[in-house]
């Protein structure tokens, strides 16, 4: 049974970090609706494991790892394939406009969104963790449950793909977005 103190502590944390989790989720999946679903799943998992999460040194790291694992698990499931196939013909309401404060220049953010969407899920997660969340190779490897060599190769491949997809003149301006 949950105690009122535990619930209040969790609610305070979740309320404070929800926008941040949503931005990271959006960069992972490229869709605001899916980002909301990922955040909801992540917050639900955090609530169920709050007794463990509240004891770690870095609760944000725990939440970020939960979010990335949720995203990668969803990408491996048949549900992800179904939603991608039906996204453009399924009558979705228009995605809300991205928050310009979260993405900087809107046109540049849209270019980056399009380019990130073309990366495979693990490369995309690696690029987002390394360059948006500003994590080290070791921290990224720990979150993704892989070796540092895998993080380095996924980062290199992801950045190489982004360089081919983006206007070379825009790459210096993107440093603030990644």
C-alpha atoms as a PDB file:
ATOM      1  CA  UNK A   1       0.000   0.000   0.000  1.00  0.00           C
ATOM      2  CA  UNK A   2       1.355   3.405  -0.941  1.00  0.00           C
ATOM      3  CA  UNK A   3       1.966   5.918   1.790  1.00  0.00           C
ATOM      4  CA  UNK A   4       0.889   9.549   1.400  1.00  0.00           C
ATOM      5  CA  UNK A   5       4.520  10.716   1.786  1.00  0.00           C
ATOM      6  CA  UNK A   6       5.691   8.343  -0.952  1.00  0.00           C
ATOM      7  CA  UNK A   7       2.921   9.461  -3.296  1.00  0.00           C
ATOM      8  CA  UNK A   8       3.572  13.147  -2.593  1.00  0.00           C
ATOM      9  CA  UNK A   9       7.306  12.693  -3.191  1.00  0.00           C
ATOM     10  CA  UNK A  10       6.666  10.838  -6.455  1.00  0.00           C
ATOM     11  CA  UNK A  11       4.087  13.389  -7.624  1.00  0.00           C
ATOM     12  CA  UNK A  12       6.478  16.258  -6.948  1.00  0.00           C
ATOM     13  CA  UNK A  13       9.272  14.552  -8.901  1.00  0.00           C
ATOM     14  CA  UNK A  14       7.058  13.526 -11.827  1.00  0.00           C
ATOM     15  CA  UNK A  15       5.504  16.987 -12.108  1.00  0.00           C
ATOM     16  CA  UNK A  16       8.890  18.681 -12.099  1.00  0.00           C
ATOM     17  CA  UNK A  17      10.487  16.369 -14.687  1.00  0.00           C
ATOM     18  CA  UNK A  18       7.583  15.654 -17.042  1.00  0.00           C
ATOM     19  CA  UNK A  19       8.445  18.388 -19.583  1.00  0.00           C
ATOM     20  CA  UNK A  20      12.086  17.276 -19.696  1.00  0.00           C
ATOM     21  CA  UNK A  21      11.086  13.636 -20.196  1.00  0.00           C
ATOM     22  CA  UNK A  22       8.681  14.705 -22.950  1.00  0.00           C
ATOM     23  CA  UNK A  23      11.441  16.575 -24.838  1.00  0.00           C
ATOM     24  CA  UNK A  24      13.774  13.580 -24.634  1.00  0.00           C
ATOM     25  CA  UNK A  25      10.960  11.227 -25.687  1.00  0.00           C
ATOM     26  CA  UNK A  26      10.145  13.490 -28.638  1.00  0.00           C
ATOM     27  CA  UNK A  27      13.743  13.420 -29.809  1.00  0.00           C
ATOM     28  CA  UNK A  28      13.708   9.639 -29.550  1.00  0.00           C
ATOM     29  CA  UNK A  29      10.474   9.002 -31.424  1.00  0.00           C
ATOM     30  CA  UNK A  30       9.853  12.204 -33.428  1.00  0.00           C
ATOM     31  CA  UNK A  31       6.142  12.386 -32.662  1.00  0.00           C
ATOM     32  CA  UNK A  32       4.543  14.392 -29.851  1.00  0.00           C
ATOM     33  CA  UNK A  33       1.710  11.878 -29.359  1.00  0.00           C
ATOM     34  CA  UNK A  34       4.112   8.939 -29.076  1.00  0.00           C
ATOM     35  CA  UNK A  35       6.330  11.040 -26.817  1.00  0.00           C
ATOM     36  CA  UNK A  36       3.370  11.568 -24.490  1.00  0.00           C
ATOM     37  CA  UNK A  37       2.699   7.808 -24.505  1.00  0.00           C
ATOM     38  CA  UNK A  38       6.353   7.051 -23.776  1.00  0.00           C
ATOM     39  CA  UNK A  39       6.383   9.526 -20.899  1.00  0.00           C
ATOM     40  CA  UNK A  40       3.175   8.063 -19.496  1.00  0.00           C
ATOM     41  CA  UNK A  41       4.631   4.540 -19.638  1.00  0.00           C
ATOM     42  CA  UNK A  42       7.862   5.762 -18.078  1.00  0.00           C
ATOM     43  CA  UNK A  43       6.085   7.585 -15.258  1.00  0.00           C
ATOM     44  CA  UNK A  44       3.947   4.506 -14.599  1.00  0.00           C
ATOM     45  CA  UNK A  45       7.059   2.318 -14.389  1.00  0.00           C
ATOM     46  CA  UNK A  46       8.740   4.854 -12.133  1.00  0.00           C
ATOM     47  CA  UNK A  47       5.731   4.873  -9.828  1.00  0.00           C
ATOM     48  CA  UNK A  48       5.721   1.096  -9.568  1.00  0.00           C
ATOM     49  CA  UNK A  49       9.434   1.065  -8.781  1.00  0.00           C
ATOM     50  CA  UNK A  50       9.581   4.319  -6.826  1.00  0.00           C
ATOM     51  CA  UNK A  51      10.811   2.483  -3.724  1.00  0.00           C
ATOM     52  CA  UNK A  52      13.942   1.570  -5.735  1.00  0.00           C
ATOM     53  CA  UNK A  53      14.220   4.783  -7.790  1.00  0.00           C
ATOM     54  CA  UNK A  54      14.156   7.122  -4.809  1.00  0.00           C
ATOM     55  CA  UNK A  55      17.193   5.375  -3.295  1.00  0.00           C
ATOM     56  CA  UNK A  56      19.508   5.815  -6.301  1.00  0.00           C
ATOM     57  CA  UNK A  57      21.999   8.676  -6.430  1.00  0.00           C
ATOM     58  CA  UNK A  58      20.659  10.041  -9.725  1.00  0.00           C
ATOM     59  CA  UNK A  59      16.881   9.751 -10.079  1.00  0.00           C
ATOM     60  CA  UNK A  60      17.000  11.620 -13.415  1.00  0.00           C
ATOM     61  CA  UNK A  61      19.408   9.000 -14.746  1.00  0.00           C
ATOM     62  CA  UNK A  62      17.083   6.239 -13.572  1.00  0.00           C
ATOM     63  CA  UNK A  63      14.124   7.964 -15.263  1.00  0.00           C
ATOM     64  CA  UNK A  64      16.092   8.547 -18.470  1.00  0.00           C
ATOM     65  CA  UNK A  65      17.173   4.899 -18.584  1.00  0.00           C
ATOM     66  CA  UNK A  66      13.578   3.795 -18.038  1.00  0.00           C
ATOM     67  CA  UNK A  67      12.451   6.083 -20.881  1.00  0.00           C
ATOM     68  CA  UNK A  68      15.114   4.817 -23.309  1.00  0.00           C
ATOM     69  CA  UNK A  69      14.431   1.170 -22.428  1.00  0.00           C
ATOM     70  CA  UNK A  70      10.703   1.749 -22.925  1.00  0.00           C
ATOM     71  CA  UNK A  71      11.366   3.366 -26.317  1.00  0.00           C
ATOM     72  CA  UNK A  72      13.722   0.594 -27.486  1.00  0.00           C
ATOM     73  CA  UNK A  73      11.340  -2.148 -26.298  1.00  0.00           C
ATOM     74  CA  UNK A  74       8.493  -0.465 -28.176  1.00  0.00           C
ATOM     75  CA  UNK A  75      10.625  -0.306 -31.323  1.00  0.00           C
ATOM     76  CA  UNK A  76      11.163  -4.082 -31.180  1.00  0.00           C
ATOM     77  CA  UNK A  77       7.474  -4.847 -30.802  1.00  0.00           C
ATOM     78  CA  UNK A  78       4.942  -5.446 -33.529  1.00  0.00           C
ATOM     79  CA  UNK A  79       2.984  -2.440 -32.235  1.00  0.00           C
ATOM     80  CA  UNK A  80       5.683  -0.018 -33.409  1.00  0.00           C
ATOM     81  CA  UNK A  81       5.557  -1.461 -36.916  1.00  0.00           C
ATOM     82  CA  UNK A  82       1.774  -1.196 -36.988  1.00  0.00           C
ATOM     83  CA  UNK A  83       1.745   2.433 -35.858  1.00  0.00           C
ATOM     84  CA  UNK A  84       4.376   3.441 -38.421  1.00  0.00           C
ATOM     85  CA  UNK A  85       2.404   1.775 -41.212  1.00  0.00           C
ATOM     86  CA  UNK A  86      -0.842   3.472 -40.160  1.00  0.00           C
ATOM     87  CA  UNK A  87       0.499   6.854 -39.055  1.00  0.00           C
ATOM     88  CA  UNK A  88      -0.080   8.712 -42.310  1.00  0.00           C
ATOM     89  CA  UNK A  89      -3.460   7.272 -43.203  1.00  0.00           C
ATOM     90  CA  UNK A  90      -4.992   6.840 -39.789  1.00  0.00           C
ATOM     91  CA  UNK A  91      -6.715  10.186 -39.298  1.00  0.00           C
ATOM     92  CA  UNK A  92      -4.454  11.494 -36.530  1.00  0.00           C
ATOM     93  CA  UNK A  93      -5.113  15.010 -35.382  1.00  0.00           C
ATOM     94  CA  UNK A  94      -2.289  17.327 -36.315  1.00  0.00           C
ATOM     95  CA  UNK A  95       0.679  17.106 -33.973  1.00  0.00           C
ATOM     96  CA  UNK A  96       0.934  20.111 -31.719  1.00  0.00           C
ATOM     97  CA  UNK A  97       3.651  22.503 -32.746  1.00  0.00           C
ATOM     98  CA  UNK A  98       6.952  21.863 -31.007  1.00  0.00           C
ATOM     99  CA  UNK A  99       7.821  24.285 -28.261  1.00  0.00           C
ATOM    100  CA  UNK A 100      10.309  26.713 -29.865  1.00  0.00           C
ATOM    101  CA  UNK A 101      12.045  27.148 -26.512  1.00  0.00           C
ATOM    102  CA  UNK A 102      12.682  23.397 -26.454  1.00  0.00           C
ATOM    103  CA  UNK A 103      13.954  23.140 -30.020  1.00  0.00           C
ATOM    104  CA  UNK A 104      15.439  26.568 -30.711  1.00  0.00           C
ATOM    105  CA  UNK A 105      14.933  27.755 -34.266  1.00  0.00           C
ATOM    106  CA  UNK A 106      11.806  25.990 -35.576  1.00  0.00           C
ATOM    107  CA  UNK A 107      13.051  25.399 -39.132  1.00  0.00           C
ATOM    108  CA  UNK A 108      16.309  23.994 -37.838  1.00  0.00           C
ATOM    109  CA  UNK A 109      14.414  21.854 -35.345  1.00  0.00           C
ATOM    110  CA  UNK A 110      12.226  20.446 -38.123  1.00  0.00           C
ATOM    111  CA  UNK A 111      15.309  19.607 -40.220  1.00  0.00           C
ATOM    112  CA  UNK A 112      16.819  17.872 -37.224  1.00  0.00           C
ATOM    113  CA  UNK A 113      13.561  16.014 -36.513  1.00  0.00           C
ATOM    114  CA  UNK A 114      13.421  14.739 -40.079  1.00  0.00           C
ATOM    115  CA  UNK A 115      17.057  13.661 -40.006  1.00  0.00           C
ATOM    116  CA  UNK A 116      16.748  11.961 -36.601  1.00  0.00           C
ATOM    117  CA  UNK A 117      13.674  10.068 -37.822  1.00  0.00           C
ATOM    118  CA  UNK A 118      15.814   8.419 -40.491  1.00  0.00           C
ATOM    119  CA  UNK A 119      18.239   6.943 -37.967  1.00  0.00           C
ATOM    120  CA  UNK A 120      17.715   3.382 -36.709  1.00  0.00           C
ATOM    121  CA  UNK A 121      16.356   3.311 -33.116  1.00  0.00           C
ATOM    122  CA  UNK A 122      19.630   2.455 -31.315  1.00  0.00           C
ATOM    123  CA  UNK A 123      21.625   5.069 -33.261  1.00  0.00           C
ATOM    124  CA  UNK A 124      18.930   7.609 -32.565  1.00  0.00           C
ATOM    125  CA  UNK A 125      18.887   6.791 -28.855  1.00  0.00           C
ATOM    126  CA  UNK A 126      22.686   6.995 -28.730  1.00  0.00           C
ATOM    127  CA  UNK A 127      22.799  10.379 -30.480  1.00  0.00           C
ATOM    128  CA  UNK A 128      20.043  11.799 -28.252  1.00  0.00           C
ATOM    129  CA  UNK A 129      21.683  10.550 -25.053  1.00  0.00           C
ATOM    130  CA  UNK A 130      25.186  11.640 -26.018  1.00  0.00           C
ATOM    131  CA  UNK A 131      24.478  15.016 -27.568  1.00  0.00           C
ATOM    132  CA  UNK A 132      21.103  16.202 -26.286  1.00  0.00           C
ATOM    133  CA  UNK A 133      21.311  14.776 -22.772  1.00  0.00           C
ATOM    134  CA  UNK A 134      25.081  15.436 -22.746  1.00  0.00           C
ATOM    135  CA  UNK A 135      25.985  12.055 -21.291  1.00  0.00           C
ATOM    136  CA  UNK A 136      29.414  10.467 -21.443  1.00  0.00           C
ATOM    137  CA  UNK A 137      30.122   7.335 -23.468  1.00  0.00           C
ATOM    138  CA  UNK A 138      30.179   5.321 -20.237  1.00  0.00           C
ATOM    139  CA  UNK A 139      26.859   6.728 -18.981  1.00  0.00           C
ATOM    140  CA  UNK A 140      25.222   6.080 -22.354  1.00  0.00           C
ATOM    141  CA  UNK A 141      26.562   2.513 -22.392  1.00  0.00           C
ATOM    142  CA  UNK A 142      25.160   1.920 -18.928  1.00  0.00           C
ATOM    143  CA  UNK A 143      21.707   3.261 -19.867  1.00  0.00           C
ATOM    144  CA  UNK A 144      21.582   1.253 -23.097  1.00  0.00           C
ATOM    145  CA  UNK A 145      23.055  -1.893 -21.487  1.00  0.00           C
ATOM    146  CA  UNK A 146      25.819  -2.185 -24.047  1.00  0.00           C
ATOM    147  CA  UNK A 147      29.584  -1.723 -24.303  1.00  0.00           C
ATOM    148  CA  UNK A 148      31.334   1.611 -24.691  1.00  0.00           C
ATOM    149  CA  UNK A 149      32.560   0.418 -28.084  1.00  0.00           C
ATOM    150  CA  UNK A 150      28.966  -0.026 -29.217  1.00  0.00           C
ATOM    151  CA  UNK A 151      28.126   3.505 -28.054  1.00  0.00           C
ATOM    152  CA  UNK A 152      31.109   4.897 -29.950  1.00  0.00           C
ATOM    153  CA  UNK A 153      30.249   3.039 -33.159  1.00  0.00           C
ATOM    154  CA  UNK A 154      26.534   3.906 -32.931  1.00  0.00           C
ATOM    155  CA  UNK A 155      27.422   7.570 -32.301  1.00  0.00           C
ATOM    156  CA  UNK A 156      29.840   7.645 -35.223  1.00  0.00           C
ATOM    157  CA  UNK A 157      27.358   6.024 -37.599  1.00  0.00           C
ATOM    158  CA  UNK A 158      24.485   8.198 -36.413  1.00  0.00           C
ATOM    159  CA  UNK A 159      26.448  11.427 -36.747  1.00  0.00           C
ATOM    160  CA  UNK A 160      27.761  10.397 -40.177  1.00  0.00           C
ATOM    161  CA  UNK A 161      24.190   9.783 -41.334  1.00  0.00           C
ATOM    162  CA  UNK A 162      23.031  13.109 -39.892  1.00  0.00           C
ATOM    163  CA  UNK A 163      25.853  14.898 -41.713  1.00  0.00           C
ATOM    164  CA  UNK A 164      24.737  13.415 -45.029  1.00  0.00           C
ATOM    165  CA  UNK A 165      21.092  14.295 -44.386  1.00  0.00           C
ATOM    166  CA  UNK A 166      21.568  17.852 -43.136  1.00  0.00           C
ATOM    167  CA  UNK A 167      22.754  20.944 -44.941  1.00  0.00           C
ATOM    168  CA  UNK A 168      26.487  21.232 -44.071  1.00  0.00           C
ATOM    169  CA  UNK A 169      26.032  24.966 -43.439  1.00  0.00           C
ATOM    170  CA  UNK A 170      23.532  24.196 -40.681  1.00  0.00           C
ATOM    171  CA  UNK A 171      25.712  21.722 -38.742  1.00  0.00           C
ATOM    172  CA  UNK A 172      27.457  24.423 -36.588  1.00  0.00           C
ATOM    173  CA  UNK A 173      24.063  25.914 -35.670  1.00  0.00           C
ATOM    174  CA  UNK A 174      22.811  22.458 -34.618  1.00  0.00           C
ATOM    175  CA  UNK A 175      25.354  22.119 -31.837  1.00  0.00           C
ATOM    176  CA  UNK A 176      23.003  24.008 -29.538  1.00  0.00           C
ATOM    177  CA  UNK A 177      20.117  21.658 -30.401  1.00  0.00           C
ATOM    178  CA  UNK A 178      21.958  18.365 -30.003  1.00  0.00           C
END
